[in-house]
C-alpha atoms as a PDB file:
ATOM      1  CA  MET A   1      -0.028  -0.020   0.007  1.00  0.00           C
ATOM      2  CA  GLN A   2       1.225   3.506  -0.800  1.00  0.00           C
ATOM      3  CA  PHE A   3      -0.018   6.800   0.594  1.00  0.00           C
ATOM      4  CA  ILE A   4      -0.191   9.927  -1.458  1.00  0.00           C
ATOM      5  CA  ALA A   5      -0.588  13.384   0.142  1.00  0.00           C
ATOM      6  CA  THR A   6      -3.434  15.510  -1.192  1.00  0.00           C
ATOM      7  CA  HIS A   7      -3.394  19.279  -1.667  1.00  0.00           C
ATOM      8  CA  ASP A   8      -5.681  19.774   1.338  1.00  0.00           C
ATOM      9  CA  GLY A   9      -3.369  17.929   3.769  1.00  0.00           C
ATOM     10  CA  GLY A  10      -5.113  14.554   3.589  1.00  0.00           C
ATOM     11  CA  GLU A  11      -3.835  11.257   2.312  1.00  0.00           C
ATOM     12  CA  VAL A  12      -5.040   8.766  -0.261  1.00  0.00           C
ATOM     13  CA  ALA A  13      -4.127   5.089   0.051  1.00  0.00           C
ATOM     14  CA  ILE A  14      -3.204   3.334  -3.168  1.00  0.00           C
ATOM     15  CA  MET A  15      -3.572  -0.471  -3.000  1.00  0.00           C
ATOM     16  CA  ALA A  16      -3.017  -3.382  -5.335  1.00  0.00           C
ATOM     17  CA  ALA A  17      -6.139  -5.329  -6.237  1.00  0.00           C
ATOM     18  CA  ARG A  18      -4.993  -8.298  -4.136  1.00  0.00           C
ATOM     19  CA  GLU A  19      -4.572  -6.038  -1.066  1.00  0.00           C
ATOM     20  CA  THR A  20      -8.049  -4.598  -1.641  1.00  0.00           C
ATOM     21  CA  LEU A  21      -9.629  -8.036  -1.829  1.00  0.00           C
ATOM     22  CA  ILE A  22      -7.852  -9.128   1.358  1.00  0.00           C
ATOM     23  CA  LEU A  23      -8.983  -5.985   3.168  1.00  0.00           C
ATOM     24  CA  GLU A  24     -12.553  -6.393   1.975  1.00  0.00           C
ATOM     25  CA  SER A  25     -12.589 -10.039   3.129  1.00  0.00           C
ATOM     26  CA  VAL A  26     -11.278  -9.130   6.581  1.00  0.00           C
ATOM     27  CA  LEU A  27     -13.787  -6.271   6.982  1.00  0.00           C
ATOM     28  CA  SER A  28     -16.650  -8.529   5.812  1.00  0.00           C
ATOM     29  CA  ARG A  29     -15.666 -11.113   8.422  1.00  0.00           C
ATOM     30  CA  ASP A  30     -15.532  -8.452  11.138  1.00  0.00           C
ATOM     31  CA  VAL A  31     -18.892  -7.023  10.150  1.00  0.00           C
ATOM     32  CA  LEU A  32     -20.459 -10.518  10.309  1.00  0.00           C
ATOM     33  CA  LYS A  33     -18.962 -11.114  13.771  1.00  0.00           C
ATOM     34  CA  ASN A  34     -19.753  -7.608  15.095  1.00  0.00           C
ATOM     35  CA  PRO A  35     -22.632  -6.110  13.103  1.00  0.00           C
ATOM     36  CA  ASP A  36     -22.867  -3.227  15.585  1.00  0.00           C
ATOM     37  CA  PHE A  37     -19.258  -2.215  15.075  1.00  0.00           C
ATOM     38  CA  HIS A  38     -19.979   0.852  12.932  1.00  0.00           C
ATOM     39  CA  PRO A  39     -16.446   1.734  11.831  1.00  0.00           C
ATOM     40  CA  ALA A  40     -16.068  -1.677  10.200  1.00  0.00           C
ATOM     41  CA  VAL A  41     -19.422  -1.237   8.402  1.00  0.00           C
ATOM     42  CA  ARG A  42     -18.436   2.227   7.245  1.00  0.00           C
ATOM     43  CA  LEU A  43     -15.006   1.099   6.020  1.00  0.00           C
ATOM     44  CA  LEU A  44     -16.552  -1.909   4.218  1.00  0.00           C
ATOM     45  CA  ARG A  45     -18.974   0.397   2.395  1.00  0.00           C
ATOM     46  CA  GLU A  46     -16.122   2.696   1.423  1.00  0.00           C
ATOM     47  CA  VAL A  47     -14.004  -0.188   0.151  1.00  0.00           C
ATOM     48  CA  GLU A  48     -16.994  -1.573  -1.854  1.00  0.00           C
ATOM     49  CA  ALA A  49     -17.717   1.890  -3.321  1.00  0.00           C
ATOM     50  CA  ALA A  50     -14.097   2.313  -4.331  1.00  0.00           C
ATOM     51  CA  ASN A  51     -14.093  -1.117  -5.988  1.00  0.00           C
ATOM     52  CA  GLU A  52     -17.296  -0.348  -7.857  1.00  0.00           C
ATOM     53  CA  ALA A  53     -15.910   2.961  -9.061  1.00  0.00           C
ATOM     54  CA  ARG A  54     -12.702   1.262 -10.204  1.00  0.00           C
ATOM     55  CA  GLU A  55     -14.674  -1.362 -12.094  1.00  0.00           C
ATOM     56  CA  ALA A  56     -16.813   1.325 -13.759  1.00  0.00           C
ATOM     57  CA  ARG A  57     -13.714   3.261 -14.847  1.00  0.00           C
ATOM     58  CA  ALA A  58     -12.193   0.042 -16.247  1.00  0.00           C
ATOM     59  CA  GLU A  59     -15.350  -0.755 -18.184  1.00  0.00           C
ATOM     60  CA  GLU A  60     -15.550   2.786 -19.525  1.00  0.00           C
ATOM     61  CA  ALA A  61     -11.903   2.700 -20.562  1.00  0.00           C
ATOM     62  CA  GLY A  62     -12.540  -0.613 -22.319  1.00  0.00           C
ATOM     63  CA  ARG A  63     -15.492   0.816 -24.200  1.00  0.00           C
ATOM     64  CA  ALA A  64     -13.561   3.940 -25.151  1.00  0.00           C
ATOM     65  CA  SER A  65     -10.685   1.931 -26.605  1.00  0.00           C
ATOM     66  CA  ALA A  66     -13.021  -0.409 -28.544  1.00  0.00           C
END
């Protein structure tokens, strides 16, 4: 995982697809074990949203190059 500083002082984590899948699996397991643990639920939603956005960009790039 790599972290990139943003112009507003924040950071963005850049992960390989394998790392993302592992993180998503771990978060899913934690959510199933502790459904009331809100940070895990929030993080899982953010990971899923990032994956969906990445897939949409990949599909769009594939259509644009076709």
